PDB file of N, CA and C in Angstrom:
ATOM      1  N   UNK A   1     -48.010 -31.810 -59.272  1.00  0.00           N
ATOM      2  CA  UNK A   1     -48.584 -31.982 -58.238  1.00  0.00           C
ATOM      3  C   UNK A   1     -48.087 -31.918 -56.666  1.00  0.00           C
ATOM      4  N   UNK A   2     -47.261 -33.549 -56.995  1.00  0.00           N
ATOM      5  CA  UNK A   2     -46.978 -34.150 -56.067  1.00  0.00           C
ATOM      6  C   UNK A   2     -45.582 -32.894 -54.988  1.00  0.00           C
ATOM      7  N   UNK A   3     -44.854 -32.477 -55.765  1.00  0.00           N
ATOM      8  CA  UNK A   3     -43.771 -30.952 -55.701  1.00  0.00           C
ATOM      9  C   UNK A   3     -44.186 -30.284 -54.847  1.00  0.00           C
ATOM     10  N   UNK A   4     -45.706 -29.906 -54.968  1.00  0.00           N
ATOM     11  CA  UNK A   4     -46.913 -28.900 -54.098  1.00  0.00           C
ATOM     12  C   UNK A   4     -46.139 -29.124 -52.560  1.00  0.00           C
ATOM     13  N   UNK A   5     -45.802 -30.363 -52.255  1.00  0.00           N
ATOM     14  CA  UNK A   5     -46.360 -30.680 -50.899  1.00  0.00           C
ATOM     15  C   UNK A   5     -45.077 -31.104 -50.383  1.00  0.00           C
ATOM     16  N   UNK A   6     -43.577 -30.898 -50.826  1.00  0.00           N
ATOM     17  CA  UNK A   6     -42.442 -31.572 -51.006  1.00  0.00           C
ATOM     18  C   UNK A   6     -42.239 -30.909 -48.965  1.00  0.00           C
ATOM     19  N   UNK A   7     -42.452 -29.477 -49.855  1.00  0.00           N
ATOM     20  CA  UNK A   7     -42.152 -28.797 -47.901  1.00  0.00           C
ATOM     21  C   UNK A   7     -42.420 -29.034 -46.817  1.00  0.00           C
ATOM     22  N   UNK A   8     -43.681 -30.007 -47.248  1.00  0.00           N
ATOM     23  CA  UNK A   8     -44.693 -29.936 -45.871  1.00  0.00           C
ATOM     24  C   UNK A   8     -43.746 -31.929 -45.380  1.00  0.00           C
ATOM     25  N   UNK A   9     -43.284 -32.364 -47.044  1.00  0.00           N
ATOM     26  CA  UNK A   9     -43.061 -33.650 -46.355  1.00  0.00           C
ATOM     27  C   UNK A   9     -42.070 -33.296 -45.623  1.00  0.00           C
ATOM     28  N   UNK A  10     -41.292 -32.709 -45.811  1.00  0.00           N
ATOM     29  CA  UNK A  10     -39.794 -32.119 -45.180  1.00  0.00           C
ATOM     30  C   UNK A  10     -40.260 -31.890 -44.132  1.00  0.00           C
ATOM     31  N   UNK A  11     -40.662 -30.606 -43.807  1.00  0.00           N
ATOM     32  CA  UNK A  11     -40.805 -30.533 -42.810  1.00  0.00           C
ATOM     33  C   UNK A  11     -41.965 -31.688 -41.622  1.00  0.00           C
ATOM     34  N   UNK A  12     -42.771 -31.747 -41.869  1.00  0.00           N
ATOM     35  CA  UNK A  12     -42.888 -33.404 -40.884  1.00  0.00           C
ATOM     36  C   UNK A  12     -42.086 -34.172 -40.745  1.00  0.00           C
ATOM     37  N   UNK A  13     -40.577 -33.920 -41.830  1.00  0.00           N
ATOM     38  CA  UNK A  13     -39.345 -35.392 -41.066  1.00  0.00           C
ATOM     39  C   UNK A  13     -38.190 -34.293 -41.029  1.00  0.00           C
ATOM     40  N   UNK A  14     -38.056 -33.569 -40.740  1.00  0.00           N
ATOM     41  CA  UNK A  14     -37.332 -32.787 -39.946  1.00  0.00           C
ATOM     42  C   UNK A  14     -37.832 -32.757 -38.358  1.00  0.00           C
ATOM     43  N   UNK A  15     -39.222 -32.538 -38.482  1.00  0.00           N
ATOM     44  CA  UNK A  15     -39.987 -32.496 -37.349  1.00  0.00           C
ATOM     45  C   UNK A  15     -39.629 -33.597 -36.022  1.00  0.00           C
ATOM     46  N   UNK A  16     -39.789 -34.548 -36.726  1.00  0.00           N
ATOM     47  CA  UNK A  16     -39.862 -36.421 -36.363  1.00  0.00           C
ATOM     48  C   UNK A  16     -38.505 -36.268 -36.356  1.00  0.00           C
ATOM     49  N   UNK A  17     -37.210 -36.342 -36.829  1.00  0.00           N
ATOM     50  CA  UNK A  17     -36.196 -36.227 -36.324  1.00  0.00           C
ATOM     51  C   UNK A  17     -35.493 -35.849 -35.028  1.00  0.00           C
ATOM     52  N   UNK A  18     -36.333 -34.033 -35.132  1.00  0.00           N
ATOM     53  CA  UNK A  18     -36.178 -33.301 -33.984  1.00  0.00           C
ATOM     54  C   UNK A  18     -36.589 -34.012 -32.912  1.00  0.00           C
ATOM     55  N   UNK A  19     -37.834 -34.794 -33.011  1.00  0.00           N
ATOM     56  CA  UNK A  19     -38.758 -34.731 -31.741  1.00  0.00           C
ATOM     57  C   UNK A  19     -37.931 -36.342 -31.182  1.00  0.00           C
ATOM     58  N   UNK A  20     -37.580 -36.968 -32.498  1.00  0.00           N
ATOM     59  CA  UNK A  20     -36.350 -38.499 -31.775  1.00  0.00           C
ATOM     60  C   UNK A  20     -35.834 -37.831 -31.270  1.00  0.00           C
ATOM     61  N   UNK A  21     -34.712 -37.158 -31.442  1.00  0.00           N
ATOM     62  CA  UNK A  21     -33.038 -36.549 -31.402  1.00  0.00           C
ATOM     63  C   UNK A  21     -33.230 -36.242 -29.289  1.00  0.00           C
ATOM     64  N   UNK A  22     -34.640 -35.428 -29.498  1.00  0.00           N
ATOM     65  CA  UNK A  22     -34.527 -34.711 -28.172  1.00  0.00           C
ATOM     66  C   UNK A  22     -35.159 -35.713 -27.127  1.00  0.00           C
ATOM     67  N   UNK A  23     -35.983 -36.614 -27.723  1.00  0.00           N
ATOM     68  CA  UNK A  23     -36.003 -37.940 -26.830  1.00  0.00           C
ATOM     69  C   UNK A  23     -34.950 -38.430 -26.081  1.00  0.00           C
ATOM     70  N   UNK A  24     -34.396 -38.636 -27.151  1.00  0.00           N
ATOM     71  CA  UNK A  24     -33.194 -39.502 -27.366  1.00  0.00           C
ATOM     72  C   UNK A  24     -32.305 -38.679 -25.752  1.00  0.00           C
ATOM     73  N   UNK A  25     -31.860 -37.411 -26.466  1.00  0.00           N
ATOM     74  CA  UNK A  25     -30.433 -36.635 -25.379  1.00  0.00           C
ATOM     75  C   UNK A  25     -31.456 -36.472 -23.922  1.00  0.00           C
ATOM     76  N   UNK A  26     -32.348 -36.612 -24.022  1.00  0.00           N
ATOM     77  CA  UNK A  26     -33.147 -36.381 -22.274  1.00  0.00           C
ATOM     78  C   UNK A  26     -32.888 -37.733 -21.797  1.00  0.00           C
ATOM     79  N   UNK A  27     -32.928 -39.009 -22.574  1.00  0.00           N
ATOM     80  CA  UNK A  27     -32.773 -40.917 -22.062  1.00  0.00           C
ATOM     81  C   UNK A  27     -31.272 -40.536 -21.658  1.00  0.00           C
ATOM     82  N   UNK A  28     -30.327 -39.530 -22.169  1.00  0.00           N
ATOM     83  CA  UNK A  28     -28.548 -39.727 -22.397  1.00  0.00           C
ATOM     84  C   UNK A  28     -28.580 -39.024 -21.227  1.00  0.00           C
ATOM     85  N   UNK A  29     -29.203 -37.430 -21.413  1.00  0.00           N
ATOM     86  CA  UNK A  29     -28.174 -36.589 -20.524  1.00  0.00           C
ATOM     87  C   UNK A  29     -28.904 -37.130 -18.836  1.00  0.00           C
ATOM     88  N   UNK A  30     -29.866 -38.013 -18.858  1.00  0.00           N
ATOM     89  CA  UNK A  30     -31.057 -36.939 -17.706  1.00  0.00           C
ATOM     90  C   UNK A  30     -30.198 -37.950 -16.667  1.00  0.00           C
ATOM     91  N   UNK A  31     -30.699 -37.075 -15.504  1.00  0.00           N
ATOM     92  CA  UNK A  31     -30.441 -37.231 -14.269  1.00  0.00           C
ATOM     93  C   UNK A  31     -31.701 -37.569 -13.173  1.00  0.00           C
ATOM     94  N   UNK A  32     -31.467 -38.418 -12.080  1.00  0.00           N
ATOM     95  CA  UNK A  32     -32.243 -38.121 -11.153  1.00  0.00           C
ATOM     96  C   UNK A  32     -32.286 -39.524 -11.037  1.00  0.00           C
ATOM     97  N   UNK A  33     -32.741 -39.513  -9.558  1.00  0.00           N
ATOM     98  CA  UNK A  33     -33.124 -41.691  -9.163  1.00  0.00           C
ATOM     99  C   UNK A  33     -34.752 -41.783 -10.411  1.00  0.00           C
ATOM    100  N   UNK A  34     -34.743 -42.828 -10.073  1.00  0.00           N
ATOM    101  CA  UNK A  34     -35.666 -43.187 -11.112  1.00  0.00           C
ATOM    102  C   UNK A  34     -36.508 -44.545  -9.894  1.00  0.00           C
ATOM    103  N   UNK A  35     -37.258 -44.292  -9.118  1.00  0.00           N
ATOM    104  CA  UNK A  35     -37.575 -44.790  -7.979  1.00  0.00           C
ATOM    105  C   UNK A  35     -39.165 -44.955  -8.796  1.00  0.00           C
ATOM    106  N   UNK A  36     -40.288 -46.216  -7.718  1.00  0.00           N
ATOM    107  CA  UNK A  36     -41.571 -46.368  -7.588  1.00  0.00           C
ATOM    108  C   UNK A  36     -42.396 -45.104  -8.445  1.00  0.00           C
ATOM    109  N   UNK A  37     -42.520 -44.275  -7.456  1.00  0.00           N
ATOM    110  CA  UNK A  37     -43.403 -43.044  -8.196  1.00  0.00           C
ATOM    111  C   UNK A  37     -43.046 -42.601  -8.746  1.00  0.00           C
ATOM    112  N   UNK A  38     -41.367 -41.996  -9.454  1.00  0.00           N
ATOM    113  CA  UNK A  38     -41.894 -41.214 -11.000  1.00  0.00           C
ATOM    114  C   UNK A  38     -41.612 -41.813 -11.858  1.00  0.00           C
ATOM    115  N   UNK A  39     -41.929 -43.191 -11.435  1.00  0.00           N
ATOM    116  CA  UNK A  39     -42.435 -44.291 -12.649  1.00  0.00           C
ATOM    117  C   UNK A  39     -43.487 -44.809 -12.442  1.00  0.00           C
ATOM    118  N   UNK A  40     -44.283 -44.376 -12.347  1.00  0.00           N
ATOM    119  CA  UNK A  40     -46.081 -44.472 -12.029  1.00  0.00           C
ATOM    120  C   UNK A  40     -46.645 -43.776 -13.222  1.00  0.00           C
ATOM    121  N   UNK A  41     -47.263 -44.318 -13.588  1.00  0.00           N
ATOM    122  CA  UNK A  41     -48.476 -42.955 -14.119  1.00  0.00           C
ATOM    123  C   UNK A  41     -48.959 -41.806 -13.332  1.00  0.00           C
ATOM    124  N   UNK A  42     -49.175 -40.478 -14.139  1.00  0.00           N
ATOM    125  CA  UNK A  42     -49.598 -40.113 -12.858  1.00  0.00           C
ATOM    126  C   UNK A  42     -51.395 -39.417 -13.238  1.00  0.00           C
ATOM    127  N   UNK A  43     -51.961 -40.154 -11.982  1.00  0.00           N
ATOM    128  CA  UNK A  43     -53.281 -39.371 -11.810  1.00  0.00           C
ATOM    129  C   UNK A  43     -53.888 -38.463 -11.564  1.00  0.00           C
ATOM    130  N   UNK A  44     -55.371 -38.251 -12.551  1.00  0.00           N
ATOM    131  CA  UNK A  44     -55.492 -36.295 -11.295  1.00  0.00           C
ATOM    132  C   UNK A  44     -56.644 -36.692 -10.215  1.00  0.00           C
ATOM    133  N   UNK A  45     -55.637 -36.201  -9.529  1.00  0.00           N
ATOM    134  CA  UNK A  45     -56.283 -35.983  -8.468  1.00  0.00           C
ATOM    135  C   UNK A  45     -57.024 -37.334  -7.531  1.00  0.00           C
ATOM    136  N   UNK A  46     -56.747 -38.346  -7.527  1.00  0.00           N
ATOM    137  CA  UNK A  46     -57.302 -39.667  -6.587  1.00  0.00           C
ATOM    138  C   UNK A  46     -56.704 -40.937  -7.314  1.00  0.00           C
ATOM    139  N   UNK A  47     -56.568 -42.045  -6.340  1.00  0.00           N
ATOM    140  CA  UNK A  47     -56.042 -42.820  -6.506  1.00  0.00           C
ATOM    141  C   UNK A  47     -56.108 -43.715  -7.629  1.00  0.00           C
ATOM    142  N   UNK A  48     -55.199 -44.487  -8.934  1.00  0.00           N
ATOM    143  CA  UNK A  48     -56.843 -45.118  -9.729  1.00  0.00           C
ATOM    144  C   UNK A  48     -56.651 -46.439  -9.380  1.00  0.00           C
ATOM    145  N   UNK A  49     -56.305 -46.769  -8.108  1.00  0.00           N
ATOM    146  CA  UNK A  49     -56.737 -48.658  -8.014  1.00  0.00           C
ATOM    147  C   UNK A  49     -57.305 -48.187  -6.183  1.00  0.00           C
ATOM    148  N   UNK A  50     -58.388 -48.187  -6.424  1.00  0.00           N
ATOM    149  CA  UNK A  50     -59.322 -48.172  -5.694  1.00  0.00           C
ATOM    150  C   UNK A  50     -60.581 -48.259  -5.622  1.00  0.00           C
ATOM    151  N   UNK A  51     -61.450 -48.242  -4.640  1.00  0.00           N
ATOM    152  CA  UNK A  51     -62.967 -49.020  -5.099  1.00  0.00           C
ATOM    153  C   UNK A  51     -63.581 -47.800  -6.105  1.00  0.00           C
ATOM    154  N   UNK A  52     -64.103 -48.700  -7.413  1.00  0.00           N
ATOM    155  CA  UNK A  52     -64.516 -47.616  -7.931  1.00  0.00           C
ATOM    156  C   UNK A  52     -66.152 -46.935  -7.954  1.00  0.00           C
ATOM    157  N   UNK A  53     -65.985 -47.466  -7.109  1.00  0.00           N
ATOM    158  CA  UNK A  53     -68.276 -46.671  -6.263  1.00  0.00           C
ATOM    159  C   UNK A  53     -67.879 -45.540  -5.678  1.00  0.00           C
ATOM    160  N   UNK A  54     -66.376 -44.972  -5.568  1.00  0.00           N
ATOM    161  CA  UNK A  54     -65.866 -44.462  -3.814  1.00  0.00           C
ATOM    162  C   UNK A  54     -66.880 -42.523  -4.734  1.00  0.00           C
ATOM    163  N   UNK A  55     -66.547 -41.941  -3.638  1.00  0.00           N
ATOM    164  CA  UNK A  55     -66.899 -40.770  -3.985  1.00  0.00           C
ATOM    165  C   UNK A  55     -65.549 -39.618  -4.690  1.00  0.00           C
ATOM    166  N   UNK A  56     -65.924 -38.596  -5.242  1.00  0.00           N
ATOM    167  CA  UNK A  56     -64.550 -37.803  -5.192  1.00  0.00           C
ATOM    168  C   UNK A  56     -65.215 -36.415  -5.849  1.00  0.00           C
ATOM    169  N   UNK A  57     -64.488 -35.968  -5.927  1.00  0.00           N
ATOM    170  CA  UNK A  57     -64.412 -34.197  -5.882  1.00  0.00           C
ATOM    171  C   UNK A  57     -65.131 -33.347  -7.305  1.00  0.00           C
ATOM    172  N   UNK A  58     -66.134 -33.132  -6.945  1.00  0.00           N
ATOM    173  CA  UNK A  58     -66.057 -33.072  -8.707  1.00  0.00           C
ATOM    174  C   UNK A  58     -65.727 -31.873  -9.376  1.00  0.00           C
ATOM    175  N   UNK A  59     -65.505 -30.730  -8.105  1.00  0.00           N
ATOM    176  CA  UNK A  59     -64.286 -29.850  -8.419  1.00  0.00           C
ATOM    177  C   UNK A  59     -63.974 -29.638  -9.844  1.00  0.00           C
ATOM    178  N   UNK A  60     -62.628 -30.814  -9.779  1.00  0.00           N
ATOM    179  CA  UNK A  60     -61.912 -30.568 -10.219  1.00  0.00           C
ATOM    180  C   UNK A  60     -62.227 -31.090 -11.667  1.00  0.00           C
ATOM    181  N   UNK A  61     -63.088 -31.883 -12.296  1.00  0.00           N
ATOM    182  CA  UNK A  61     -63.500 -31.558 -13.129  1.00  0.00           C
ATOM    183  C   UNK A  61     -64.844 -30.478 -13.844  1.00  0.00           C
ATOM    184  N   UNK A  62     -65.004 -29.768 -12.722  1.00  0.00           N
ATOM    185  CA  UNK A  62     -65.713 -28.495 -13.361  1.00  0.00           C
ATOM    186  C   UNK A  62     -64.664 -27.728 -14.095  1.00  0.00           C
ATOM    187  N   UNK A  63     -63.485 -27.561 -13.171  1.00  0.00           N
ATOM    188  CA  UNK A  63     -62.433 -26.453 -13.362  1.00  0.00           C
ATOM    189  C   UNK A  63     -61.957 -26.957 -14.435  1.00  0.00           C
ATOM    190  N   UNK A  64     -61.548 -27.782 -14.746  1.00  0.00           N
ATOM    191  CA  UNK A  64     -61.258 -28.716 -16.689  1.00  0.00           C
ATOM    192  C   UNK A  64     -61.777 -28.488 -17.805  1.00  0.00           C
ATOM    193  N   UNK A  65     -63.855 -28.425 -17.401  1.00  0.00           N
ATOM    194  CA  UNK A  65     -64.236 -28.213 -17.706  1.00  0.00           C
ATOM    195  C   UNK A  65     -64.437 -26.486 -18.771  1.00  0.00           C
ATOM    196  N   UNK A  66     -63.878 -25.696 -17.289  1.00  0.00           N
ATOM    197  CA  UNK A  66     -64.022 -24.422 -17.858  1.00  0.00           C
ATOM    198  C   UNK A  66     -62.718 -23.449 -18.255  1.00  0.00           C
ATOM    199  N   UNK A  67     -61.382 -24.785 -17.202  1.00  0.00           N
ATOM    200  CA  UNK A  67     -61.182 -23.923 -18.244  1.00  0.00           C
ATOM    201  C   UNK A  67     -60.661 -24.728 -20.133  1.00  0.00           C
ATOM    202  N   UNK A  68     -61.304 -25.249 -20.470  1.00  0.00           N
ATOM    203  CA  UNK A  68     -61.427 -25.973 -21.815  1.00  0.00           C
ATOM    204  C   UNK A  68     -62.302 -25.000 -22.450  1.00  0.00           C
ATOM    205  N   UNK A  69     -63.371 -24.527 -22.016  1.00  0.00           N
ATOM    206  CA  UNK A  69     -64.512 -23.374 -22.463  1.00  0.00           C
ATOM    207  C   UNK A  69     -63.660 -22.565 -22.878  1.00  0.00           C
ATOM    208  N   UNK A  70     -62.822 -21.982 -21.863  1.00  0.00           N
ATOM    209  CA  UNK A  70     -62.103 -20.435 -21.861  1.00  0.00           C
ATOM    210  C   UNK A  70     -61.546 -20.271 -22.622  1.00  0.00           C
ATOM    211  N   UNK A  71     -60.219 -21.610 -22.702  1.00  0.00           N
ATOM    212  CA  UNK A  71     -59.488 -21.749 -24.050  1.00  0.00           C
ATOM    213  C   UNK A  71     -60.147 -21.675 -25.139  1.00  0.00           C
ATOM    214  N   UNK A  72     -60.798 -22.824 -25.192  1.00  0.00           N
ATOM    215  CA  UNK A  72     -61.160 -22.621 -26.665  1.00  0.00           C
ATOM    216  C   UNK A  72     -61.741 -21.148 -26.769  1.00  0.00           C
ATOM    217  N   UNK A  73     -62.202 -20.055 -26.695  1.00  0.00           N
ATOM    218  CA  UNK A  73     -62.798 -19.141 -26.751  1.00  0.00           C
ATOM    219  C   UNK A  73     -61.830 -18.331 -27.002  1.00  0.00           C
ATOM    220  N   UNK A  74     -60.974 -17.899 -26.094  1.00  0.00           N
ATOM    221  CA  UNK A  74     -59.155 -17.303 -26.186  1.00  0.00           C
ATOM    222  C   UNK A  74     -58.999 -17.852 -28.061  1.00  0.00           C
ATOM    223  N   UNK A  75     -59.038 -19.009 -28.437  1.00  0.00           N
ATOM    224  CA  UNK A  75     -58.360 -19.002 -29.599  1.00  0.00           C
ATOM    225  C   UNK A  75     -58.965 -18.804 -30.674  1.00  0.00           C
ATOM    226  N   UNK A  76     -60.296 -18.522 -30.406  1.00  0.00           N
ATOM    227  CA  UNK A  76     -60.356 -17.622 -31.517  1.00  0.00           C
ATOM    228  C   UNK A  76     -59.957 -16.511 -31.853  1.00  0.00           C
ATOM    229  N   UNK A  77     -58.978 -15.760 -30.635  1.00  0.00           N
ATOM    230  CA  UNK A  77     -59.121 -14.723 -31.261  1.00  0.00           C
ATOM    231  C   UNK A  77     -57.505 -14.388 -32.301  1.00  0.00           C
ATOM    232  N   UNK A  78     -57.080 -15.773 -31.875  1.00  0.00           N
ATOM    233  CA  UNK A  78     -56.095 -15.846 -33.436  1.00  0.00           C
ATOM    234  C   UNK A  78     -56.063 -15.863 -35.148  1.00  0.00           C
ATOM    235  N   UNK A  79     -57.283 -16.265 -36.002  1.00  0.00           N
ATOM    236  CA  UNK A  79     -57.662 -15.497 -36.452  1.00  0.00           C
ATOM    237  C   UNK A  79     -58.059 -14.467 -36.766  1.00  0.00           C
ATOM    238  N   UNK A  80     -59.099 -13.509 -35.618  1.00  0.00           N
ATOM    239  CA  UNK A  80     -58.857 -12.510 -35.661  1.00  0.00           C
ATOM    240  C   UNK A  80     -58.220 -11.665 -36.056  1.00  0.00           C
ATOM    241  N   UNK A  81     -56.853 -11.742 -35.329  1.00  0.00           N
ATOM    242  CA  UNK A  81     -55.949 -10.935 -35.132  1.00  0.00           C
ATOM    243  C   UNK A  81     -55.267 -11.286 -36.592  1.00  0.00           C
ATOM    244  N   UNK A  82     -54.890 -12.335 -36.703  1.00  0.00           N
ATOM    245  CA  UNK A  82     -54.419 -11.982 -38.128  1.00  0.00           C
ATOM    246  C   UNK A  82     -55.207 -11.827 -39.250  1.00  0.00           C
ATOM    247  N   UNK A  83     -56.966 -11.357 -39.086  1.00  0.00           N
ATOM    248  CA  UNK A  83     -57.289 -11.042 -39.953  1.00  0.00           C
ATOM    249  C   UNK A  83     -57.738  -9.339 -40.092  1.00  0.00           C
ATOM    250  N   UNK A  84     -56.872  -9.071 -39.056  1.00  0.00           N
ATOM    251  CA  UNK A  84     -57.429  -7.626 -38.068  1.00  0.00           C
ATOM    252  C   UNK A  84     -57.737  -6.515 -38.894  1.00  0.00           C
ATOM    253  N   UNK A  85     -56.706  -6.628 -40.473  1.00  0.00           N
ATOM    254  CA  UNK A  85     -56.791  -5.427 -41.059  1.00  0.00           C
ATOM    255  C   UNK A  85     -57.896  -5.350 -42.193  1.00  0.00           C
ATOM    256  N   UNK A  86     -58.427  -6.279 -42.076  1.00  0.00           N
ATOM    257  CA  UNK A  86     -59.349  -7.146 -43.519  1.00  0.00           C
ATOM    258  C   UNK A  86     -60.647  -7.120 -42.298  1.00  0.00           C
ATOM    259  N   UNK A  87     -61.117  -6.499 -41.074  1.00  0.00           N
ATOM    260  CA  UNK A  87     -61.954  -7.201 -40.902  1.00  0.00           C
ATOM    261  C   UNK A  87     -63.299  -5.942 -40.379  1.00  0.00           C
ATOM    262  N   UNK A  88     -62.563  -4.857 -40.705  1.00  0.00           N
ATOM    263  CA  UNK A  88     -62.814  -3.350 -40.371  1.00  0.00           C
ATOM    264  C   UNK A  88     -63.634  -3.511 -39.146  1.00  0.00           C
ATOM    265  N   UNK A  89     -64.302  -2.167 -39.059  1.00  0.00           N
ATOM    266  CA  UNK A  89     -65.647  -2.655 -37.607  1.00  0.00           C
ATOM    267  C   UNK A  89     -66.272  -3.282 -37.826  1.00  0.00           C
ATOM    268  N   UNK A  90     -66.701  -3.422 -38.463  1.00  0.00           N
ATOM    269  CA  UNK A  90     -68.002  -4.133 -37.991  1.00  0.00           C
ATOM    270  C   UNK A  90     -67.451  -5.688 -37.353  1.00  0.00           C
ATOM    271  N   UNK A  91     -66.132  -6.091 -37.563  1.00  0.00           N
ATOM    272  CA  UNK A  91     -65.116  -6.765 -37.868  1.00  0.00           C
ATOM    273  C   UNK A  91     -64.349  -6.387 -35.819  1.00  0.00           C
ATOM    274  N   UNK A  92     -64.032  -5.194 -35.694  1.00  0.00           N
ATOM    275  CA  UNK A  92     -63.497  -4.892 -34.240  1.00  0.00           C
ATOM    276  C   UNK A  92     -65.078  -4.817 -33.010  1.00  0.00           C
ATOM    277  N   UNK A  93     -66.001  -4.755 -33.459  1.00  0.00           N
ATOM    278  CA  UNK A  93     -67.389  -4.685 -33.344  1.00  0.00           C
ATOM    279  C   UNK A  93     -67.563  -5.764 -32.510  1.00  0.00           C
ATOM    280  N   UNK A  94     -67.835  -6.704 -33.406  1.00  0.00           N
ATOM    281  CA  UNK A  94     -68.173  -7.821 -33.139  1.00  0.00           C
ATOM    282  C   UNK A  94     -66.899  -9.030 -32.217  1.00  0.00           C
ATOM    283  N   UNK A  95     -65.583  -8.444 -32.038  1.00  0.00           N
ATOM    284  CA  UNK A  95     -64.823  -9.033 -30.646  1.00  0.00           C
ATOM    285  C   UNK A  95     -64.831  -8.183 -30.007  1.00  0.00           C
ATOM    286  N   UNK A  96     -65.453  -7.529 -29.533  1.00  0.00           N
ATOM    287  CA  UNK A  96     -65.716  -6.335 -28.343  1.00  0.00           C
ATOM    288  C   UNK A  96     -66.559  -7.197 -27.731  1.00  0.00           C
ATOM    289  N   UNK A  97     -67.645  -7.106 -28.546  1.00  0.00           N
ATOM    290  CA  UNK A  97     -69.288  -7.903 -28.086  1.00  0.00           C
ATOM    291  C   UNK A  97     -68.480  -9.592 -27.265  1.00  0.00           C
ATOM    292  N   UNK A  98     -67.818  -9.728 -28.088  1.00  0.00           N
ATOM    293  CA  UNK A  98     -67.533 -11.702 -27.361  1.00  0.00           C
ATOM    294  C   UNK A  98     -66.281 -11.510 -26.415  1.00  0.00           C
ATOM    295  N   UNK A  99     -65.540 -10.272 -26.801  1.00  0.00           N
ATOM    296  CA  UNK A  99     -64.190 -10.254 -24.858  1.00  0.00           C
ATOM    297  C   UNK A  99     -65.490 -10.019 -24.018  1.00  0.00           C
ATOM    298  N   UNK A 100     -66.421  -8.790 -24.531  1.00  0.00           N
ATOM    299  CA  UNK A 100     -67.267  -8.828 -22.995  1.00  0.00           C
ATOM    300  C   UNK A 100     -68.112  -9.636 -22.370  1.00  0.00           C
ATOM    301  N   UNK A 101     -68.971 -10.709 -23.431  1.00  0.00           N
ATOM    302  CA  UNK A 101     -69.657 -11.961 -23.061  1.00  0.00           C
ATOM    303  C   UNK A 101     -68.354 -13.014 -21.932  1.00  0.00           C
ATOM    304  N   UNK A 102     -66.955 -13.088 -23.116  1.00  0.00           N
ATOM    305  CA  UNK A 102     -66.069 -14.128 -22.320  1.00  0.00           C
ATOM    306  C   UNK A 102     -65.931 -13.056 -20.720  1.00  0.00           C
ATOM    307  N   UNK A 103     -65.733 -11.951 -20.714  1.00  0.00           N
ATOM    308  CA  UNK A 103     -65.013 -11.707 -19.688  1.00  0.00           C
ATOM    309  C   UNK A 103     -66.555 -11.523 -18.692  1.00  0.00           C
ATOM    310  N   UNK A 104     -67.906 -11.556 -18.770  1.00  0.00           N
ATOM    311  CA  UNK A 104     -68.964 -11.476 -17.918  1.00  0.00           C
ATOM    312  C   UNK A 104     -68.501 -12.794 -17.279  1.00  0.00           C
ATOM    313  N   UNK A 105     -68.658 -13.726 -18.073  1.00  0.00           N
ATOM    314  CA  UNK A 105     -68.593 -15.463 -17.728  1.00  0.00           C
ATOM    315  C   UNK A 105     -68.001 -15.289 -16.960  1.00  0.00           C
ATOM    316  N   UNK A 106     -66.223 -14.549 -17.015  1.00  0.00           N
ATOM    317  CA  UNK A 106     -65.261 -15.664 -16.586  1.00  0.00           C
ATOM    318  C   UNK A 106     -65.980 -14.433 -15.064  1.00  0.00           C
ATOM    319  N   UNK A 107     -66.094 -13.530 -14.740  1.00  0.00           N
ATOM    320  CA  UNK A 107     -66.419 -13.199 -14.046  1.00  0.00           C
ATOM    321  C   UNK A 107     -67.646 -13.666 -12.516  1.00  0.00           C
ATOM    322  N   UNK A 108     -68.104 -13.733 -13.858  1.00  0.00           N
ATOM    323  CA  UNK A 108     -69.069 -15.426 -13.102  1.00  0.00           C
ATOM    324  C   UNK A 108     -68.686 -16.408 -12.648  1.00  0.00           C
ATOM    325  N   UNK A 109     -68.083 -17.022 -12.910  1.00  0.00           N
ATOM    326  CA  UNK A 109     -67.690 -18.451 -13.159  1.00  0.00           C
ATOM    327  C   UNK A 109     -66.922 -17.585 -11.540  1.00  0.00           C
ATOM    328  N   UNK A 110     -66.405 -16.911 -11.497  1.00  0.00           N
ATOM    329  CA  UNK A 110     -64.989 -16.124 -10.298  1.00  0.00           C
ATOM    330  C   UNK A 110     -65.883 -15.881  -9.143  1.00  0.00           C
ATOM    331  N   UNK A 111     -66.703 -15.362  -9.667  1.00  0.00           N
ATOM    332  CA  UNK A 111     -67.645 -14.986  -7.931  1.00  0.00           C
ATOM    333  C   UNK A 111     -68.538 -15.814  -7.306  1.00  0.00           C
ATOM    334  N   UNK A 112     -68.925 -17.090  -8.492  1.00  0.00           N
ATOM    335  CA  UNK A 112     -69.608 -18.063  -7.615  1.00  0.00           C
ATOM    336  C   UNK A 112     -68.765 -19.449  -7.396  1.00  0.00           C
ATOM    337  N   UNK A 113     -67.592 -19.255  -7.373  1.00  0.00           N
ATOM    338  CA  UNK A 113     -67.248 -19.788  -6.114  1.00  0.00           C
ATOM    339  C   UNK A 113     -66.326 -21.028  -7.282  1.00  0.00           C
ATOM    340  N   UNK A 114     -66.590 -21.180  -8.331  1.00  0.00           N
ATOM    341  CA  UNK A 114     -66.241 -22.423  -9.552  1.00  0.00           C
ATOM    342  C   UNK A 114     -64.667 -22.270  -9.534  1.00  0.00           C
ATOM    343  N   UNK A 115     -63.737 -21.470  -9.426  1.00  0.00           N
ATOM    344  CA  UNK A 115     -62.811 -21.360  -9.835  1.00  0.00           C
ATOM    345  C   UNK A 115     -61.978 -21.831  -7.737  1.00  0.00           C
ATOM    346  N   UNK A 116     -62.180 -22.250  -7.148  1.00  0.00           N
ATOM    347  CA  UNK A 116     -61.737 -22.443  -5.944  1.00  0.00           C
ATOM    348  C   UNK A 116     -61.234 -23.704  -6.153  1.00  0.00           C
ATOM    349  N   UNK A 117     -60.065 -23.841  -5.147  1.00  0.00           N
ATOM    350  CA  UNK A 117     -59.574 -25.481  -5.498  1.00  0.00           C
ATOM    351  C   UNK A 117     -59.487 -25.405  -3.675  1.00  0.00           C
ATOM    352  N   UNK A 118     -60.440 -25.300  -2.840  1.00  0.00           N
ATOM    353  CA  UNK A 118     -60.311 -25.484  -1.341  1.00  0.00           C
ATOM    354  C   UNK A 118     -60.677 -27.231  -1.520  1.00  0.00           C
TER     355      UNK A 118
END
């Protein structure tokens, strides 16, 4: 029974070794000046060490949430595309309705200006 998992273990080992080798090559052959701004952690839209009660723009979070929602909805297309030959007409119509709702939602958000970054 454990022999059935050998390919998975081999895949994980190869992927781990490959990842470590790529990171090592990046550090060895990487060029560029390492200054304070490049070595500082990346923050999203505002300074990390300011007053915690400061006001900030909510549009950044709105765009992020909309991206996650639409990205997850698009992720439903992959299993449908894999099983396209087995879903039949009912599956195609259901996906058409799903995509129509997705497009209407996207157009609504676009028209409301939720995707603008002014």
